[in-house]
Protein backbone atom coordinates (compact mmCIF):
# COMPACT_ATOMS: atom_id res chain seq x y z
CA MET A 1 50.59 27.00 -23.32
CA ALA A 2 49.81 23.53 -24.61
CA GLY A 3 47.95 22.90 -27.83
CA GLY A 4 47.00 26.61 -27.96
CA ALA A 5 45.37 26.73 -24.61
CA PRO A 6 46.65 28.44 -21.50
CA MET A 7 47.79 26.04 -18.70
CA TYR A 8 47.43 27.01 -14.95
CA VAL A 9 50.51 27.02 -12.83
CA THR A 10 50.18 26.68 -9.14
CA SER A 11 53.59 28.15 -8.41
CA LEU A 12 56.87 28.67 -10.31
CA SER A 13 58.53 25.92 -8.32
CA ALA A 14 55.89 23.39 -10.02
CA MET A 15 57.66 23.61 -13.24
CA PRO A 16 60.99 23.01 -14.70
CA TRP A 17 63.26 26.08 -14.79
CA PRO A 18 64.51 28.00 -16.56
CA HIS A 19 61.14 27.96 -18.25
CA PRO A 20 59.92 30.88 -20.45
CA TYR A 21 56.83 32.56 -19.25
CA THR A 22 54.85 35.76 -20.18
CA VAL A 23 52.50 37.73 -18.14
CA VAL A 24 49.29 38.06 -20.20
CA PRO A 25 46.18 40.22 -19.46
CA GLY A 26 43.12 38.31 -18.28
CA ALA A 27 41.00 39.40 -21.12
CA THR A 28 43.50 37.71 -23.58
CA ILE A 29 43.57 34.65 -21.64
CA ALA A 30 39.77 34.44 -21.54
CA ALA A 31 39.64 34.84 -25.44
CA MET A 32 41.87 31.73 -25.79
CA PRO A 33 40.68 28.04 -26.11
CA GLN A 34 39.63 26.48 -22.84
CA TYR A 35 41.36 23.15 -23.65
CA PRO A 36 44.26 22.17 -25.64
CA ALA A 37 43.78 21.06 -29.24
CA ASP A 38 43.13 17.34 -29.90
CA GLY A 39 46.38 15.47 -30.18
CA THR A 40 48.32 17.58 -27.96
CA LYS A 41 50.74 15.62 -25.73
CA VAL A 42 51.32 16.77 -22.17
CA ARG A 43 53.49 15.45 -19.30
CA ASN A 44 52.48 15.93 -15.64
CA TYR A 45 55.74 17.51 -14.33
CA GLY A 46 54.99 16.31 -10.80
CA ASN A 47 54.69 12.53 -11.47
CA GLY A 48 55.88 12.02 -15.10
CA GLY A 49 52.43 10.93 -16.44
CA ILE A 50 51.85 11.37 -20.11
CA TYR A 51 48.63 12.33 -21.59
CA VAL A 52 47.13 12.88 -25.08
CA VAL A 53 44.30 15.24 -25.38
CA ALA A 54 41.13 14.29 -27.25
CA GLY A 55 37.69 16.07 -27.15
CA GLY A 56 39.29 18.18 -24.33
CA PHE A 57 40.05 15.41 -22.01
CA PRO A 58 43.63 14.08 -21.27
CA PHE A 59 43.86 10.50 -21.98
CA GLY A 60 46.83 8.65 -20.12
CA VAL A 61 49.21 6.76 -22.13
CA SER A 62 51.96 4.40 -20.98
CA SER A 63 54.35 5.51 -23.67
CA LEU A 64 54.73 7.82 -26.58
CA GLY A 65 55.30 4.87 -28.70
CA ASN A 66 51.61 4.05 -28.36
CA VAL A 67 50.60 7.38 -30.21
CA PRO A 68 51.28 8.59 -33.54
CA PRO A 69 54.79 10.17 -34.07
CA SER A 70 54.90 13.93 -33.60
CA PRO A 71 56.80 16.57 -31.49
CA GLY A 72 57.17 15.57 -27.82
CA TRP A 73 55.04 16.65 -24.92
CA VAL A 74 54.57 19.89 -23.24
CA ASP A 75 55.51 19.83 -19.38
CA VAL A 76 52.36 20.92 -17.24
CA ASP A 77 51.58 21.51 -13.51
CA GLY A 78 49.80 18.28 -12.30
C-alpha cells in the first residue's frame, strides 16, 4: 500500500525483507483507489528513484529536500 492504493509486487524478492504483507481478496483490492493519494512519496526499491504522486502520476525528484516535509517514502517494486 502507498497513499491508500494497493501496489503491485512482481515477486517477494523485489522488495526489502522482512516486509509486512497481507493477502487480500481481489474484490477488496478492486474497491480501493487505483492510484496513491497526491503527495505520496514512493521510492523505486530497484534503482532508488524517488517520486511524488500528483494527479495519479509519479513525478521524479532528485531529493526529498525539494518537496514539503512529511514522513518519508514507501518502497515500491520498480
